[in-house]
Amino acid sequence: MLKYVNTGIVFQEIPDEVTLAINISNCPCHCPGCHSKYLWEDIGSPLTPMVIEQMVRQYGGDITCIAFMGGDADPAYVNILAKYVRREFPQLKVAWYSGRQRVPRTVRKADFDYIKVGPYIAHLGCLKDCTTNQRLYKKASGDDFTDVTPRFWK
């Protein structure tokens, strides 16, 4: 079971969305230069559908998207949570920020509206740097996704 440490309402992670970012712990990626090393540890509270329901009730119409920030220790469970959000809160977009190079086969991309992949590599920078290896993809139609990473570049 995945655990989350904290949440925040963010405006920069997903373009054009007011996003509830859920920071998930026990990250196996351990990227050098990671800005959230505290998420490497197996800490926090279980992230269940009931917890997500409480979060959505708390923020109501203030959010347009839920982003799972991490979850690479159990991508299949991230997918289960994405399906839950899609079914129970169809008005919300669903995003996943992964530190993996590719989306695992256990994940059904069509269950997400946005997927970010790529470990943080300090000399390449983050999404806002045009040299980044990280990519944010937006669902176009069906299983097709479009790279929207350039929207972050200045």
Protein backbone atom coordinates (compact mmCIF):
# COMPACT_ATOMS: atom_id res chain seq x y z
CA MET A 1 0.00 0.00 0.00
CA LEU A 2 1.25 3.45 -0.85
CA LYS A 3 1.55 6.15 1.79
CA TYR A 4 1.28 9.89 1.40
CA VAL A 5 3.07 12.49 3.47
CA ASN A 6 1.32 15.72 2.57
CA THR A 7 -0.71 17.52 -0.04
CA GLY A 8 -0.83 20.96 -1.58
CA ILE A 9 -2.86 22.98 -4.01
CA VAL A 10 -0.49 23.80 -6.88
CA PHE A 11 -0.78 25.79 -10.08
CA GLN A 12 2.44 24.98 -11.95
CA GLU A 13 2.62 21.19 -12.04
CA ILE A 14 -0.19 20.66 -14.57
CA PRO A 15 -0.82 23.40 -17.16
CA ASP A 16 -4.21 25.12 -16.95
CA GLU A 17 -5.27 23.12 -13.89
CA VAL A 18 -5.70 23.82 -10.17
CA THR A 19 -4.14 20.65 -8.87
CA LEU A 20 -4.29 18.80 -5.60
CA ALA A 21 -0.77 17.34 -5.46
CA ILE A 22 -0.49 14.26 -3.24
CA ASN A 23 3.13 13.59 -2.23
CA ILE A 24 3.72 9.85 -2.00
CA SER A 25 6.58 8.37 0.06
CA ASN A 26 8.87 5.34 -0.32
CA CYS A 27 10.27 6.55 -3.64
CA PRO A 28 12.66 3.95 -5.06
CA CYS A 29 14.16 6.32 -7.66
CA HIS A 30 16.49 8.23 -5.28
CA CYS A 31 17.44 10.81 -7.92
CA PRO A 32 20.67 12.66 -7.04
CA GLY A 33 19.74 16.27 -6.31
CA CYS A 34 16.14 15.37 -5.45
CA HIS A 35 14.33 18.30 -3.81
CA SER A 36 12.09 15.93 -1.81
CA LYS A 37 14.47 13.43 -0.24
CA TYR A 38 12.10 13.02 2.70
CA LEU A 39 9.86 11.10 0.27
CA TRP A 40 12.53 8.39 -0.08
CA GLU A 41 11.50 7.03 3.32
CA ASP A 42 8.51 4.77 3.94
CA ILE A 43 6.60 7.33 6.01
CA GLY A 44 3.15 8.86 6.14
CA SER A 45 -0.41 7.61 6.12
CA PRO A 46 -2.00 4.99 3.85
CA LEU A 47 -3.36 6.46 0.63
CA THR A 48 -6.73 4.82 0.10
CA PRO A 49 -9.80 5.67 -1.96
CA MET A 50 -11.52 6.78 1.26
CA VAL A 51 -8.69 9.24 1.97
CA ILE A 52 -8.94 10.60 -1.57
CA GLU A 53 -12.69 11.01 -1.12
CA GLN A 54 -12.08 13.05 2.06
CA MET A 55 -9.57 15.24 0.22
CA VAL A 56 -11.98 15.89 -2.65
CA ARG A 57 -14.77 16.76 -0.20
CA GLN A 58 -12.41 19.13 1.63
CA TYR A 59 -11.41 21.04 -1.50
CA GLY A 60 -14.68 20.65 -3.40
CA GLY A 61 -14.88 22.79 -6.50
CA ASP A 62 -11.55 24.48 -5.81
CA ILE A 63 -9.55 21.83 -7.69
CA THR A 64 -9.70 20.60 -11.27
CA CYS A 65 -7.04 17.87 -11.08
CA ILE A 66 -5.51 15.34 -8.72
CA ALA A 67 -1.81 14.56 -9.21
CA PHE A 68 -0.11 11.57 -7.68
CA MET A 69 3.41 12.82 -7.04
CA GLY A 70 5.40 9.60 -6.94
CA GLY A 71 4.14 6.13 -6.27
CA ASP A 72 6.92 4.42 -8.21
CA ALA A 73 7.13 1.76 -5.50
CA ASP A 74 3.73 0.47 -6.66
CA PRO A 75 2.64 1.86 -10.05
CA ALA A 76 -0.20 -0.65 -10.33
CA TYR A 77 -1.75 0.81 -7.18
CA VAL A 78 -1.38 4.36 -8.57
CA ASN A 79 -3.38 3.08 -11.54
CA ILE A 80 -6.07 1.66 -9.22
CA LEU A 81 -6.35 5.06 -7.52
CA ALA A 82 -6.53 6.81 -10.91
CA LYS A 83 -9.41 4.53 -11.94
CA TYR A 84 -11.15 5.31 -8.67
CA VAL A 85 -10.85 9.08 -9.21
CA ARG A 86 -12.09 8.72 -12.81
CA ARG A 87 -15.12 6.72 -11.71
CA GLU A 88 -16.10 8.67 -8.59
CA PHE A 89 -15.07 12.20 -9.59
CA PRO A 90 -15.34 12.39 -13.39
CA GLN A 91 -15.10 16.19 -13.29
CA LEU A 92 -11.45 15.93 -12.16
CA LYS A 93 -8.41 15.33 -14.32
CA VAL A 94 -5.91 12.71 -13.13
CA ALA A 95 -2.13 13.13 -13.32
CA TRP A 96 0.87 11.06 -12.30
CA TYR A 97 4.42 12.31 -11.78
CA SER A 98 6.79 9.34 -12.07
CA GLY A 99 10.55 9.28 -11.78
CA ARG A 100 10.74 6.29 -14.10
CA GLN A 101 12.04 6.50 -17.66
CA ARG A 102 8.91 4.84 -19.05
CA VAL A 103 5.39 4.08 -17.96
CA PRO A 104 5.36 0.50 -16.58
CA ARG A 105 3.32 -2.11 -18.42
CA THR A 106 1.19 -2.57 -15.31
CA VAL A 107 -0.19 0.94 -15.84
CA ARG A 108 -3.00 1.70 -18.27
CA LYS A 109 -2.10 5.15 -19.63
CA ALA A 110 -5.67 5.79 -20.73
CA ASP A 111 -6.65 6.06 -17.04
CA PHE A 112 -4.67 9.31 -16.80
CA ASP A 113 -5.02 12.75 -18.36
CA TYR A 114 -1.36 13.66 -17.73
CA ILE A 115 1.75 11.57 -17.11
CA LYS A 116 5.20 12.95 -16.31
CA VAL A 117 8.12 10.58 -16.71
CA GLY A 118 11.84 10.89 -16.20
CA PRO A 119 14.15 10.98 -13.22
CA TYR A 120 15.55 14.30 -12.11
CA ILE A 121 19.07 14.69 -13.55
CA ALA A 122 20.62 17.85 -12.09
CA HIS A 123 22.73 18.87 -15.09
CA LEU A 124 19.71 18.53 -17.40
CA GLY A 125 17.35 20.43 -15.11
CA CYS A 126 13.66 20.11 -14.37
CA LEU A 127 10.59 20.57 -16.57
CA LYS A 128 11.09 24.33 -16.86
CA ASP A 129 14.53 23.84 -18.47
CA CYS A 130 14.58 23.16 -22.21
CA THR A 131 17.49 20.75 -21.63
CA THR A 132 15.45 18.48 -19.34
CA ASN A 133 15.11 14.76 -19.87
CA GLN A 134 11.74 14.85 -18.06
CA ARG A 135 8.56 14.92 -20.14
CA LEU A 136 4.96 15.75 -19.34
CA TYR A 137 2.42 14.14 -21.64
CA LYS A 138 -1.23 15.13 -22.00
CA LYS A 139 -3.89 12.72 -23.17
CA ALA A 140 -4.96 13.58 -26.72
CA SER A 141 -7.41 10.80 -27.57
CA GLY A 142 -7.70 7.14 -26.66
CA ASP A 143 -4.21 5.96 -25.78
CA ASP A 144 -2.49 8.82 -27.62
CA PHE A 145 -0.58 11.42 -25.63
CA THR A 146 1.02 14.70 -26.69
CA ASP A 147 4.25 16.06 -25.21
CA VAL A 148 3.37 19.37 -23.49
CA THR A 149 6.76 19.85 -21.83
CA PRO A 150 7.59 22.96 -23.92
CA ARG A 151 4.73 24.79 -22.14
CA PHE A 152 7.00 24.96 -19.08
CA TRP A 153 9.91 26.58 -20.88
CA LYS A 154 10.52 30.29 -20.61
